[in-house]
PDB file of N, CA and C in Angstrom:
ATOM      1  N   MET A   1       1.343  -1.006   0.140  1.00  0.00           N
ATOM      2  CA  MET A   1      -0.098   0.159   0.335  1.00  0.00           C
ATOM      3  C   MET A   1       1.081   0.932   0.550  1.00  0.00           C
ATOM      4  N   SER A   2       0.657   2.262  -1.125  1.00  0.00           N
ATOM      5  CA  SER A   2       1.371   3.709  -1.272  1.00  0.00           C
ATOM      6  C   SER A   2       1.394   4.133   0.168  1.00  0.00           C
ATOM      7  N   LEU A   3       2.360   5.540   0.168  1.00  0.00           N
ATOM      8  CA  LEU A   3       2.292   6.467   1.281  1.00  0.00           C
ATOM      9  C   LEU A   3       0.521   7.013   0.614  1.00  0.00           C
ATOM     10  N   THR A   4       0.199   7.748  -0.332  1.00  0.00           N
ATOM     11  CA  THR A   4      -0.330   8.393  -0.817  1.00  0.00           C
ATOM     12  C   THR A   4      -1.835   7.806  -1.507  1.00  0.00           C
ATOM     13  N   LEU A   5      -3.035   8.226  -1.825  1.00  0.00           N
ATOM     14  CA  LEU A   5      -4.287   7.590  -2.594  1.00  0.00           C
ATOM     15  C   LEU A   5      -3.706   7.371  -4.589  1.00  0.00           C
ATOM     16  N   SER A   6      -4.281   6.616  -4.913  1.00  0.00           N
ATOM     17  CA  SER A   6      -3.682   6.702  -6.888  1.00  0.00           C
ATOM     18  C   SER A   6      -4.780   7.219  -7.393  1.00  0.00           C
ATOM     19  N   LYS A   7      -4.365   7.871  -8.326  1.00  0.00           N
ATOM     20  CA  LYS A   7      -5.578   8.573  -8.988  1.00  0.00           C
ATOM     21  C   LYS A   7      -6.100   7.323  -9.018  1.00  0.00           C
ATOM     22  N   ASP A   8      -7.076   6.761  -9.339  1.00  0.00           N
ATOM     23  CA  ASP A   8      -7.828   5.493  -9.743  1.00  0.00           C
ATOM     24  C   ASP A   8      -8.409   6.012  -7.991  1.00  0.00           C
ATOM     25  N   GLU A   9      -8.220   5.602  -7.597  1.00  0.00           N
ATOM     26  CA  GLU A   9      -8.681   6.507  -5.725  1.00  0.00           C
ATOM     27  C   GLU A   9      -8.839   7.192  -5.303  1.00  0.00           C
ATOM     28  N   LEU A  10      -8.653   8.393  -5.968  1.00  0.00           N
ATOM     29  CA  LEU A  10      -8.724   9.598  -5.483  1.00  0.00           C
ATOM     30  C   LEU A  10     -10.071  10.246  -6.698  1.00  0.00           C
ATOM     31  N   ALA A  11     -10.386   9.259  -7.788  1.00  0.00           N
ATOM     32  CA  ALA A  11     -11.263   9.442  -8.710  1.00  0.00           C
ATOM     33  C   ALA A  11     -12.881   8.781  -8.353  1.00  0.00           C
ATOM     34  N   GLN A  12     -12.229   7.685  -7.332  1.00  0.00           N
ATOM     35  CA  GLN A  12     -13.258   7.363  -7.014  1.00  0.00           C
ATOM     36  C   GLN A  12     -14.342   8.232  -5.755  1.00  0.00           C
ATOM     37  N   LEU A  13     -12.726   8.602  -5.295  1.00  0.00           N
ATOM     38  CA  LEU A  13     -13.502   9.505  -3.541  1.00  0.00           C
ATOM     39  C   LEU A  13     -14.037  10.288  -4.177  1.00  0.00           C
ATOM     40  N   THR A  14     -13.666  11.177  -4.779  1.00  0.00           N
ATOM     41  CA  THR A  14     -14.260  12.277  -5.455  1.00  0.00           C
ATOM     42  C   THR A  14     -14.911  12.354  -6.068  1.00  0.00           C
ATOM     43  N   GLY A  15     -15.643  11.717  -7.103  1.00  0.00           N
ATOM     44  CA  GLY A  15     -16.577  10.906  -8.266  1.00  0.00           C
ATOM     45  C   GLY A  15     -16.186  12.222  -9.574  1.00  0.00           C
ATOM     46  N   TYR A  16     -14.726  12.879  -9.562  1.00  0.00           N
ATOM     47  CA  TYR A  16     -14.327  13.783 -10.913  1.00  0.00           C
ATOM     48  C   TYR A  16     -12.436  12.708 -11.170  1.00  0.00           C
ATOM     49  N   GLU A  17     -12.637  13.974 -12.243  1.00  0.00           N
ATOM     50  CA  GLU A  17     -11.249  13.152 -12.755  1.00  0.00           C
ATOM     51  C   GLU A  17      -9.967  13.644 -12.717  1.00  0.00           C
ATOM     52  N   GLN A  18     -10.146  15.443 -12.852  1.00  0.00           N
ATOM     53  CA  GLN A  18     -10.099  16.682 -13.721  1.00  0.00           C
ATOM     54  C   GLN A  18      -9.021  16.962 -11.657  1.00  0.00           C
ATOM     55  N   PRO A  19      -7.931  17.094 -11.780  1.00  0.00           N
ATOM     56  CA  PRO A  19      -7.369  17.476 -10.384  1.00  0.00           C
ATOM     57  C   PRO A  19      -8.035  18.474  -9.607  1.00  0.00           C
ATOM     58  N   SER A  20      -8.485  20.026 -10.630  1.00  0.00           N
ATOM     59  CA  SER A  20      -9.080  21.024  -9.302  1.00  0.00           C
ATOM     60  C   SER A  20      -9.961  20.589  -9.194  1.00  0.00           C
ATOM     61  N   LYS A  21     -11.067  20.348  -9.398  1.00  0.00           N
ATOM     62  CA  LYS A  21     -12.272  19.968  -9.287  1.00  0.00           C
ATOM     63  C   LYS A  21     -12.768  18.675  -8.039  1.00  0.00           C
ATOM     64  N   GLN A  22     -10.891  17.877  -7.946  1.00  0.00           N
ATOM     65  CA  GLN A  22     -10.959  17.032  -6.936  1.00  0.00           C
ATOM     66  C   GLN A  22     -10.716  17.024  -5.658  1.00  0.00           C
ATOM     67  N   LEU A  23     -10.035  18.758  -5.787  1.00  0.00           N
ATOM     68  CA  LEU A  23      -9.188  19.506  -4.574  1.00  0.00           C
ATOM     69  C   LEU A  23     -11.063  19.825  -4.101  1.00  0.00           C
ATOM     70  N   ALA A  24     -11.167  20.694  -4.485  1.00  0.00           N
ATOM     71  CA  ALA A  24     -12.310  21.466  -3.946  1.00  0.00           C
ATOM     72  C   ALA A  24     -12.306  20.291  -3.787  1.00  0.00           C
ATOM     73  N   GLU A  25     -13.620  19.050  -4.049  1.00  0.00           N
ATOM     74  CA  GLU A  25     -14.111  18.545  -3.163  1.00  0.00           C
ATOM     75  C   GLU A  25     -13.109  17.808  -2.142  1.00  0.00           C
ATOM     76  N   LEU A  26     -12.817  17.645  -1.865  1.00  0.00           N
ATOM     77  CA  LEU A  26     -11.907  16.989  -0.603  1.00  0.00           C
ATOM     78  C   LEU A  26     -11.939  17.791   0.134  1.00  0.00           C
ATOM     79  N   HIS A  27     -11.112  19.172   0.101  1.00  0.00           N
ATOM     80  CA  HIS A  27     -11.279  20.410   0.619  1.00  0.00           C
ATOM     81  C   HIS A  27     -12.920  20.231   1.917  1.00  0.00           C
ATOM     82  N   ARG A  28     -13.782  20.544   0.509  1.00  0.00           N
ATOM     83  CA  ARG A  28     -15.350  20.517   0.898  1.00  0.00           C
ATOM     84  C   ARG A  28     -15.364  19.497   2.549  1.00  0.00           C
ATOM     85  N   ARG A  29     -14.722  18.560   1.750  1.00  0.00           N
ATOM     86  CA  ARG A  29     -14.803  16.577   3.273  1.00  0.00           C
ATOM     87  C   ARG A  29     -13.782  17.082   3.891  1.00  0.00           C
ATOM     88  N   GLY A  30     -13.757  17.704   4.285  1.00  0.00           N
ATOM     89  CA  GLY A  30     -12.506  17.476   5.297  1.00  0.00           C
ATOM     90  C   GLY A  30     -11.010  17.896   5.032  1.00  0.00           C
ATOM     91  N   PHE A  31     -10.716  17.173   4.295  1.00  0.00           N
ATOM     92  CA  PHE A  31      -9.348  16.869   4.112  1.00  0.00           C
ATOM     93  C   PHE A  31      -8.477  18.187   3.717  1.00  0.00           C
ATOM     94  N   ALA A  32      -8.774  19.117   4.332  1.00  0.00           N
ATOM     95  CA  ALA A  32      -7.116  19.764   3.985  1.00  0.00           C
ATOM     96  C   ALA A  32      -5.843  19.658   3.862  1.00  0.00           C
ATOM     97  N   ARG A  33      -5.138  18.372   3.955  1.00  0.00           N
ATOM     98  CA  ARG A  33      -4.107  18.496   3.783  1.00  0.00           C
ATOM     99  C   ARG A  33      -3.823  18.058   2.072  1.00  0.00           C
ATOM    100  N   ALA A  34      -4.853  18.128   1.436  1.00  0.00           N
ATOM    101  CA  ALA A  34      -4.380  17.440   0.090  1.00  0.00           C
ATOM    102  C   ALA A  34      -4.192  18.300  -0.680  1.00  0.00           C
ATOM    103  N   TYR A  35      -3.781  18.851  -1.919  1.00  0.00           N
ATOM    104  CA  TYR A  35      -2.976  19.779  -2.526  1.00  0.00           C
ATOM    105  C   TYR A  35      -3.040  18.894  -4.233  1.00  0.00           C
ATOM    106  N   ILE A  36      -2.480  20.175  -5.092  1.00  0.00           N
ATOM    107  CA  ILE A  36      -1.974  19.410  -5.870  1.00  0.00           C
ATOM    108  C   ILE A  36      -0.679  20.425  -6.507  1.00  0.00           C
ATOM    109  N   GLY A  37       0.682  19.064  -6.595  1.00  0.00           N
ATOM    110  CA  GLY A  37       1.571  19.034  -6.328  1.00  0.00           C
ATOM    111  C   GLY A  37       2.434  18.787  -7.961  1.00  0.00           C
ATOM    112  N   ARG A  38       3.829  18.471  -8.335  1.00  0.00           N
ATOM    113  CA  ARG A  38       4.126  18.464  -9.485  1.00  0.00           C
ATOM    114  C   ARG A  38       3.391  17.714 -10.828  1.00  0.00           C
ATOM    115  N   HIS A  39       3.121  16.143 -10.066  1.00  0.00           N
ATOM    116  CA  HIS A  39       2.801  15.261 -10.420  1.00  0.00           C
ATOM    117  C   HIS A  39       0.967  15.158 -10.716  1.00  0.00           C
ATOM    118  N   GLY A  40       0.072  15.731 -10.330  1.00  0.00           N
ATOM    119  CA  GLY A  40      -0.387  16.187  -9.888  1.00  0.00           C
ATOM    120  C   GLY A  40      -1.823  15.787  -8.313  1.00  0.00           C
ATOM    121  N   LEU A  41      -2.391  15.892  -8.126  1.00  0.00           N
ATOM    122  CA  LEU A  41      -3.102  15.743  -7.035  1.00  0.00           C
ATOM    123  C   LEU A  41      -2.648  14.667  -5.756  1.00  0.00           C
ATOM    124  N   VAL A  42      -2.370  15.209  -4.000  1.00  0.00           N
ATOM    125  CA  VAL A  42      -1.755  14.612  -3.350  1.00  0.00           C
ATOM    126  C   VAL A  42      -2.368  14.397  -2.609  1.00  0.00           C
ATOM    127  N   LEU A  43      -2.717  13.369  -1.580  1.00  0.00           N
ATOM    128  CA  LEU A  43      -3.699  13.193  -0.419  1.00  0.00           C
ATOM    129  C   LEU A  43      -2.941  11.791  -0.165  1.00  0.00           C
ATOM    130  N   GLU A  44      -2.248  12.023   1.407  1.00  0.00           N
ATOM    131  CA  GLU A  44      -1.695  11.248   2.889  1.00  0.00           C
ATOM    132  C   GLU A  44      -1.841  10.243   2.720  1.00  0.00           C
ATOM    133  N   ARG A  45      -2.084   8.443   2.622  1.00  0.00           N
ATOM    134  CA  ARG A  45      -3.020   7.540   3.530  1.00  0.00           C
ATOM    135  C   ARG A  45      -3.679   8.003   4.539  1.00  0.00           C
ATOM    136  N   ALA A  46      -2.145   8.499   5.370  1.00  0.00           N
ATOM    137  CA  ALA A  46      -2.706   8.179   6.915  1.00  0.00           C
ATOM    138  C   ALA A  46      -3.706   9.630   7.023  1.00  0.00           C
ATOM    139  N   HIS A  47      -3.516  10.893   6.250  1.00  0.00           N
ATOM    140  CA  HIS A  47      -3.840  11.567   6.608  1.00  0.00           C
ATOM    141  C   HIS A  47      -6.411  11.119   5.712  1.00  0.00           C
ATOM    142  N   TYR A  48      -5.958  10.741   5.121  1.00  0.00           N
ATOM    143  CA  TYR A  48      -6.712  10.411   4.690  1.00  0.00           C
ATOM    144  C   TYR A  48      -7.554   9.188   5.484  1.00  0.00           C
ATOM    145  N   GLU A  49      -7.220   7.971   6.389  1.00  0.00           N
ATOM    146  CA  GLU A  49      -7.936   7.672   7.033  1.00  0.00           C
ATOM    147  C   GLU A  49      -7.788   7.951   8.547  1.00  0.00           C
ATOM    148  N   ALA A  50      -7.477   9.546   8.915  1.00  0.00           N
ATOM    149  CA  ALA A  50      -7.505   9.670  10.493  1.00  0.00           C
ATOM    150  C   ALA A  50      -9.099  11.162  10.072  1.00  0.00           C
ATOM    151  N   VAL A  51      -8.981  11.126   8.886  1.00  0.00           N
ATOM    152  CA  VAL A  51     -10.225  11.824   8.190  1.00  0.00           C
ATOM    153  C   VAL A  51     -11.816  11.246   8.669  1.00  0.00           C
ATOM    154  N   CYS A  52     -10.712   9.779   8.035  1.00  0.00           N
ATOM    155  CA  CYS A  52     -12.158   8.979   7.559  1.00  0.00           C
ATOM    156  C   CYS A  52     -12.820   8.653   9.247  1.00  0.00           C
ATOM    157  N   ARG A  53     -11.704   8.235  10.655  1.00  0.00           N
ATOM    158  CA  ARG A  53     -12.152   7.990  11.387  1.00  0.00           C
ATOM    159  C   ARG A  53     -12.114   8.991  12.109  1.00  0.00           C
ATOM    160  N   GLY A  54     -12.733  10.348  11.979  1.00  0.00           N
ATOM    161  CA  GLY A  54     -13.614  11.240  12.580  1.00  0.00           C
ATOM    162  C   GLY A  54     -12.001  11.960  13.650  1.00  0.00           C
ATOM    163  N   GLU A  55     -11.057  11.783  13.545  1.00  0.00           N
ATOM    164  CA  GLU A  55      -9.670  11.907  14.473  1.00  0.00           C
ATOM    165  C   GLU A  55      -9.377  13.702  13.830  1.00  0.00           C
ATOM    166  N   THR A  56      -9.799  14.503  12.334  1.00  0.00           N
ATOM    167  CA  THR A  56      -8.857  15.628  12.865  1.00  0.00           C
ATOM    168  C   THR A  56     -10.062  16.477  12.471  1.00  0.00           C
ATOM    169  N   GLU A  57     -10.014  17.886  13.469  1.00  0.00           N
ATOM    170  CA  GLU A  57     -10.744  18.864  13.111  1.00  0.00           C
ATOM    171  C   GLU A  57     -10.231  19.913  12.351  1.00  0.00           C
ATOM    172  N   ARG A  58     -11.583  20.256  11.404  1.00  0.00           N
ATOM    173  CA  ARG A  58     -11.066  21.748  10.537  1.00  0.00           C
ATOM    174  C   ARG A  58     -11.249  22.853  12.001  1.00  0.00           C
ATOM    175  N   LYS A  59     -10.340  23.340  11.121  1.00  0.00           N
ATOM    176  CA  LYS A  59      -9.942  24.600  11.553  1.00  0.00           C
ATOM    177  C   LYS A  59     -10.012  25.805  11.473  1.00  0.00           C
ATOM    178  N   LYS A  60     -11.152  26.866  12.542  1.00  0.00           N
ATOM    179  CA  LYS A  60     -11.800  27.681  12.067  1.00  0.00           C
ATOM    180  C   LYS A  60     -11.092  28.832  11.566  1.00  0.00           C
ATOM    181  N   PRO A  61     -11.454  29.398  10.994  1.00  0.00           N
ATOM    182  CA  PRO A  61     -11.646  30.291   9.874  1.00  0.00           C
ATOM    183  C   PRO A  61     -10.140  31.067  10.718  1.00  0.00           C
ATOM    184  N   THR A  62      -9.073  32.212  10.804  1.00  0.00           N
ATOM    185  CA  THR A  62      -8.382  33.509  11.586  1.00  0.00           C
ATOM    186  C   THR A  62      -9.148  34.807  11.678  1.00  0.00           C
ATOM    187  N   VAL A  63      -9.382  35.605  11.908  1.00  0.00           N
ATOM    188  CA  VAL A  63      -9.794  36.642  11.869  1.00  0.00           C
ATOM    189  C   VAL A  63      -9.208  37.419  12.172  1.00  0.00           C
ATOM    190  N   ARG A  64      -7.996  38.551  11.604  1.00  0.00           N
ATOM    191  CA  ARG A  64      -7.707  39.388  11.979  1.00  0.00           C
ATOM    192  C   ARG A  64      -8.131  40.747  11.576  1.00  0.00           C
ATOM    193  N   PRO A  65      -7.493  41.557  12.134  1.00  0.00           N
ATOM    194  CA  PRO A  65      -7.751  43.098  11.867  1.00  0.00           C
ATOM    195  C   PRO A  65      -7.570  43.452  10.443  1.00  0.00           C
ATOM    196  N   LEU A  66      -8.126  44.320   9.826  1.00  0.00           N
ATOM    197  CA  LEU A  66      -7.604  45.469   9.118  1.00  0.00           C
ATOM    198  C   LEU A  66      -6.060  45.800   9.416  1.00  0.00           C
ATOM    199  N   VAL A  67      -5.339  45.686   8.569  1.00  0.00           N
ATOM    200  CA  VAL A  67      -3.503  46.782   8.975  1.00  0.00           C
ATOM    201  C   VAL A  67      -3.455  47.720   7.198  1.00  0.00           C
ATOM    202  N   ARG A  68      -4.051  48.868   7.886  1.00  0.00           N
ATOM    203  CA  ARG A  68      -3.814  50.234   6.617  1.00  0.00           C
ATOM    204  C   ARG A  68      -2.117  50.422   7.098  1.00  0.00           C
ATOM    205  N   ALA A  69      -2.304  50.490   5.467  1.00  0.00           N
ATOM    206  CA  ALA A  69      -0.721  50.832   5.427  1.00  0.00           C
ATOM    207  C   ALA A  69      -0.710  52.259   5.261  1.00  0.00           C
ATOM    208  N   THR A  70       0.533  52.596   5.656  1.00  0.00           N
ATOM    209  CA  THR A  70       0.516  54.717   5.760  1.00  0.00           C
ATOM    210  C   THR A  70       1.670  55.105   4.921  1.00  0.00           C
ATOM    211  N   ALA A  71       1.844  55.966   4.557  1.00  0.00           N
ATOM    212  CA  ALA A  71       2.312  56.950   3.820  1.00  0.00           C
ATOM    213  C   ALA A  71       3.011  57.627   3.665  1.00  0.00           C
TER     214      ALA A  71
END
């Protein structure tokens, strides 16, 4: 078993063949560590399994105050 999900596994999981659509679907489902690398979409098997077991939490967005540039 490889360290990352295969192209076939990603297509089956997301229902898409196109990496950008796969990435959007994975992020929507909580796979925050998925990314597009030099050779296509990457999703580490350990992260996939952890999310499936419910062991990861989605991070809440950080709200930062507006910083105005001084002239």
